[in-house]
Amino acid sequence: MLDLVDETFIAVPPGTLAAAFADPACWRRYWPDLVLEVYTDRGDKGLRWTVTGALIGTMEIWLEPVLDGTVLHYFLRATPAGPGGAPRALRPRELRREIDRRARASKDVALGLKEILEDGREPGVPPRTGEPGTGD
């Protein structure tokens, strides 16, 4: 069983970050070997999915407003899938490798969004006029 939790602060409002996850086509870019089906759409608070494909389980992003930005919380609780989508047991070493691979991939998604959405903005520095989420 993979049980991953990650958090990344991104200096943009929750709505700006939620928009990055709104289009199901982006999910395929972020998680190419997973098939996601929304079971709870929480708007600017995030999404919860059932997961099939390479894994079987659930995944969630929770967008928590903090100071002048958002903490992107990522949760994945899933089992590797084998032939026909049946759960597949991994040896301890394989499981550790898969957990590490998935943890790195989730951080790559978060840091990629951070780089794009913050566009060089430092935490505590007011957004430039016309920046997404400023209303200008």
C-alpha atoms as a PDB file:
ATOM      1  CA  MET A   1       0.000   0.000   0.000  1.00  0.00           C
ATOM      2  CA  LEU A   2       1.265   3.459  -0.936  1.00  0.00           C
ATOM      3  CA  ASP A   3       0.309   6.150   1.557  1.00  0.00           C
ATOM      4  CA  LEU A   4       1.796   9.499   0.478  1.00  0.00           C
ATOM      5  CA  VAL A   5       1.320  12.954   1.939  1.00  0.00           C
ATOM      6  CA  ASP A   6       2.997  16.112   0.642  1.00  0.00           C
ATOM      7  CA  GLU A   7       2.641  19.863   1.213  1.00  0.00           C
ATOM      8  CA  THR A   8       3.928  22.785  -0.845  1.00  0.00           C
ATOM      9  CA  PHE A   9       3.352  26.502  -0.245  1.00  0.00           C
ATOM     10  CA  ILE A  10       2.503  28.435  -3.407  1.00  0.00           C
ATOM     11  CA  ALA A  11       2.205  32.234  -3.236  1.00  0.00           C
ATOM     12  CA  VAL A  12      -1.089  32.481  -5.151  1.00  0.00           C
ATOM     13  CA  PRO A  13      -4.725  32.452  -4.000  1.00  0.00           C
ATOM     14  CA  PRO A  14      -6.499  29.058  -3.779  1.00  0.00           C
ATOM     15  CA  GLY A  15      -8.687  29.904  -6.787  1.00  0.00           C
ATOM     16  CA  THR A  16      -5.642  30.396  -8.986  1.00  0.00           C
ATOM     17  CA  LEU A  17      -4.257  27.030  -7.933  1.00  0.00           C
ATOM     18  CA  ALA A  18      -7.682  25.345  -8.251  1.00  0.00           C
ATOM     19  CA  ALA A  19      -7.831  26.508 -11.868  1.00  0.00           C
ATOM     20  CA  ALA A  20      -4.631  24.549 -12.567  1.00  0.00           C
ATOM     21  CA  PHE A  21      -6.514  21.355 -11.676  1.00  0.00           C
ATOM     22  CA  ALA A  22      -9.911  22.252 -13.183  1.00  0.00           C
ATOM     23  CA  ASP A  23      -9.351  20.771 -16.635  1.00  0.00           C
ATOM     24  CA  PRO A  24      -9.319  16.950 -16.628  1.00  0.00           C
ATOM     25  CA  ALA A  25      -6.883  17.048 -19.569  1.00  0.00           C
ATOM     26  CA  CYS A  26      -4.197  18.412 -17.216  1.00  0.00           C
ATOM     27  CA  TRP A  27      -4.586  15.371 -14.947  1.00  0.00           C
ATOM     28  CA  ARG A  28      -3.169  13.171 -17.712  1.00  0.00           C
ATOM     29  CA  ARG A  29      -0.084  15.434 -17.894  1.00  0.00           C
ATOM     30  CA  TYR A  30       0.392  15.389 -14.117  1.00  0.00           C
ATOM     31  CA  TRP A  31      -0.328  11.676 -13.614  1.00  0.00           C
ATOM     32  CA  PRO A  32       0.025   9.979 -17.028  1.00  0.00           C
ATOM     33  CA  ASP A  33      -0.436   6.391 -15.847  1.00  0.00           C
ATOM     34  CA  LEU A  34      -3.497   7.052 -13.692  1.00  0.00           C
ATOM     35  CA  VAL A  35      -7.170   7.279 -14.584  1.00  0.00           C
ATOM     36  CA  LEU A  36      -8.919   9.718 -12.250  1.00  0.00           C
ATOM     37  CA  GLU A  37     -12.621  10.103 -11.567  1.00  0.00           C
ATOM     38  CA  VAL A  38     -13.782  12.967  -9.352  1.00  0.00           C
ATOM     39  CA  TYR A  39     -15.887  11.886  -6.419  1.00  0.00           C
ATOM     40  CA  THR A  40     -15.776  15.236  -4.583  1.00  0.00           C
ATOM     41  CA  ASP A  41     -15.249  18.622  -6.225  1.00  0.00           C
ATOM     42  CA  ARG A  42     -14.621  21.116  -3.436  1.00  0.00           C
ATOM     43  CA  GLY A  43     -14.087  24.111  -5.768  1.00  0.00           C
ATOM     44  CA  ASP A  44     -11.326  26.362  -4.436  1.00  0.00           C
ATOM     45  CA  LYS A  45     -10.690  23.831  -1.660  1.00  0.00           C
ATOM     46  CA  GLY A  46      -9.593  21.051  -4.011  1.00  0.00           C
ATOM     47  CA  LEU A  47     -10.598  17.726  -5.525  1.00  0.00           C
ATOM     48  CA  ARG A  48     -10.889  14.101  -4.488  1.00  0.00           C
ATOM     49  CA  TRP A  49     -10.570  11.292  -7.013  1.00  0.00           C
ATOM     50  CA  THR A  50     -10.862   7.554  -7.283  1.00  0.00           C
ATOM     51  CA  VAL A  51      -7.755   6.174  -8.974  1.00  0.00           C
ATOM     52  CA  THR A  52      -7.432   3.312 -11.441  1.00  0.00           C
ATOM     53  CA  GLY A  53      -4.797   2.439 -14.007  1.00  0.00           C
ATOM     54  CA  ALA A  54      -1.339   1.748 -12.574  1.00  0.00           C
ATOM     55  CA  LEU A  55      -2.756   2.191  -9.062  1.00  0.00           C
ATOM     56  CA  ILE A  56      -6.063   1.459  -7.361  1.00  0.00           C
ATOM     57  CA  GLY A  57      -7.239   3.758  -4.606  1.00  0.00           C
ATOM     58  CA  THR A  58      -7.916   7.418  -3.875  1.00  0.00           C
ATOM     59  CA  MET A  59      -6.111  10.715  -4.343  1.00  0.00           C
ATOM     60  CA  GLU A  60      -6.821  14.217  -3.084  1.00  0.00           C
ATOM     61  CA  ILE A  61      -5.543  17.744  -3.378  1.00  0.00           C
ATOM     62  CA  TRP A  62      -6.619  20.071  -0.586  1.00  0.00           C
ATOM     63  CA  LEU A  63      -5.998  23.780  -1.100  1.00  0.00           C
ATOM     64  CA  GLU A  64      -5.587  25.568   2.215  1.00  0.00           C
ATOM     65  CA  PRO A  65      -5.406  29.387   2.259  1.00  0.00           C
ATOM     66  CA  VAL A  66      -2.368  30.404   4.328  1.00  0.00           C
ATOM     67  CA  LEU A  67      -1.048  33.970   4.688  1.00  0.00           C
ATOM     68  CA  ASP A  68      -0.658  35.387   1.156  1.00  0.00           C
ATOM     69  CA  GLY A  69      -0.919  32.079  -0.657  1.00  0.00           C
ATOM     70  CA  THR A  70      -2.032  28.474  -0.557  1.00  0.00           C
ATOM     71  CA  VAL A  71      -0.676  25.262   0.886  1.00  0.00           C
ATOM     72  CA  LEU A  72      -1.189  22.509  -1.669  1.00  0.00           C
ATOM     73  CA  HIS A  73      -1.764  19.317   0.319  1.00  0.00           C
ATOM     74  CA  TYR A  74      -1.456  16.120  -1.719  1.00  0.00           C
ATOM     75  CA  PHE A  75      -2.669  12.727  -0.512  1.00  0.00           C
ATOM     76  CA  LEU A  76      -2.388   9.398  -2.328  1.00  0.00           C
ATOM     77  CA  ARG A  77      -3.560   6.141  -0.822  1.00  0.00           C
ATOM     78  CA  ALA A  78      -3.402   3.326  -3.331  1.00  0.00           C
ATOM     79  CA  THR A  79      -2.262  -0.172  -4.174  1.00  0.00           C
ATOM     80  CA  PRO A  80      -0.292  -1.041  -7.320  1.00  0.00           C
ATOM     81  CA  ALA A  81      -2.424  -2.645 -10.002  1.00  0.00           C
ATOM     82  CA  GLY A  82      -1.558  -5.820 -11.827  1.00  0.00           C
ATOM     83  CA  PRO A  83      -3.038  -7.470 -14.907  1.00  0.00           C
ATOM     84  CA  GLY A  84      -6.709  -6.670 -15.360  1.00  0.00           C
ATOM     85  CA  GLY A  85      -6.530  -3.966 -12.711  1.00  0.00           C
ATOM     86  CA  ALA A  86      -6.369  -6.391  -9.807  1.00  0.00           C
ATOM     87  CA  PRO A  87      -4.335  -5.335  -6.762  1.00  0.00           C
ATOM     88  CA  ARG A  88      -0.707  -6.444  -6.970  1.00  0.00           C
ATOM     89  CA  ALA A  89       1.565  -6.997  -3.990  1.00  0.00           C
ATOM     90  CA  LEU A  90       5.083  -5.613  -4.246  1.00  0.00           C
ATOM     91  CA  ARG A  91       8.125  -6.835  -2.391  1.00  0.00           C
ATOM     92  CA  PRO A  92       9.281  -4.356   0.291  1.00  0.00           C
ATOM     93  CA  ARG A  93      12.147  -3.041  -1.832  1.00  0.00           C
ATOM     94  CA  GLU A  94       9.882  -2.563  -4.882  1.00  0.00           C
ATOM     95  CA  LEU A  95       7.289  -0.838  -2.711  1.00  0.00           C
ATOM     96  CA  ARG A  96       9.879   1.599  -1.310  1.00  0.00           C
ATOM     97  CA  ARG A  97      11.019   2.411  -4.853  1.00  0.00           C
ATOM     98  CA  GLU A  98       7.451   2.983  -6.008  1.00  0.00           C
ATOM     99  CA  ILE A  99       6.693   5.204  -3.014  1.00  0.00           C
ATOM    100  CA  ASP A 100       9.840   7.234  -3.701  1.00  0.00           C
ATOM    101  CA  ARG A 101       9.001   7.519  -7.403  1.00  0.00           C
ATOM    102  CA  ARG A 102       5.460   8.697  -6.678  1.00  0.00           C
ATOM    103  CA  ALA A 103       6.637  11.144  -3.985  1.00  0.00           C
ATOM    104  CA  ARG A 104       9.144  12.694  -6.395  1.00  0.00           C
ATOM    105  CA  ALA A 105       6.523  12.909  -9.139  1.00  0.00           C
ATOM    106  CA  SER A 106       4.023  14.659  -6.854  1.00  0.00           C
ATOM    107  CA  LYS A 107       6.679  17.163  -5.768  1.00  0.00           C
ATOM    108  CA  ASP A 108       7.582  17.771  -9.425  1.00  0.00           C
ATOM    109  CA  VAL A 109       3.931  18.639 -10.135  1.00  0.00           C
ATOM    110  CA  ALA A 110       3.743  20.996  -7.140  1.00  0.00           C
ATOM    111  CA  LEU A 111       7.058  22.721  -7.842  1.00  0.00           C
ATOM    112  CA  GLY A 112       6.220  23.026 -11.546  1.00  0.00           C
ATOM    113  CA  LEU A 113       2.953  24.770 -10.674  1.00  0.00           C
ATOM    114  CA  LYS A 114       4.781  26.941  -8.130  1.00  0.00           C
ATOM    115  CA  GLU A 115       7.263  28.111 -10.763  1.00  0.00           C
ATOM    116  CA  ILE A 116       4.588  28.873 -13.352  1.00  0.00           C
ATOM    117  CA  LEU A 117       1.929  30.415 -11.109  1.00  0.00           C
ATOM    118  CA  GLU A 118       4.190  32.483  -8.872  1.00  0.00           C
ATOM    119  CA  ASP A 119       6.118  33.766 -11.897  1.00  0.00           C
ATOM    120  CA  GLY A 120       9.020  34.857  -9.681  1.00  0.00           C
ATOM    121  CA  ARG A 121       6.882  36.356  -6.909  1.00  0.00           C
ATOM    122  CA  GLU A 122       8.348  35.962  -3.436  1.00  0.00           C
ATOM    123  CA  PRO A 123       6.089  35.187  -0.435  1.00  0.00           C
ATOM    124  CA  GLY A 124       5.117  38.398   1.363  1.00  0.00           C
ATOM    125  CA  VAL A 125       5.642  40.537  -1.727  1.00  0.00           C
ATOM    126  CA  PRO A 126       2.329  41.884  -3.080  1.00  0.00           C
ATOM    127  CA  PRO A 127       1.316  40.469  -6.463  1.00  0.00           C
ATOM    128  CA  ARG A 128       1.918  42.646  -9.504  1.00  0.00           C
ATOM    129  CA  THR A 129      -1.119  44.403 -10.956  1.00  0.00           C
ATOM    130  CA  GLY A 130      -2.804  42.068 -13.403  1.00  0.00           C
ATOM    131  CA  GLU A 131      -1.358  38.923 -11.802  1.00  0.00           C
ATOM    132  CA  PRO A 132      -3.850  36.023 -11.730  1.00  0.00           C
ATOM    133  CA  GLY A 133      -6.029  36.220  -8.647  1.00  0.00           C
ATOM    134  CA  THR A 134      -5.589  39.985  -8.042  1.00  0.00           C
ATOM    135  CA  GLY A 135      -8.805  40.999  -9.762  1.00  0.00           C
ATOM    136  CA  ASP A 136      -6.944  43.538 -11.895  1.00  0.00           C
END
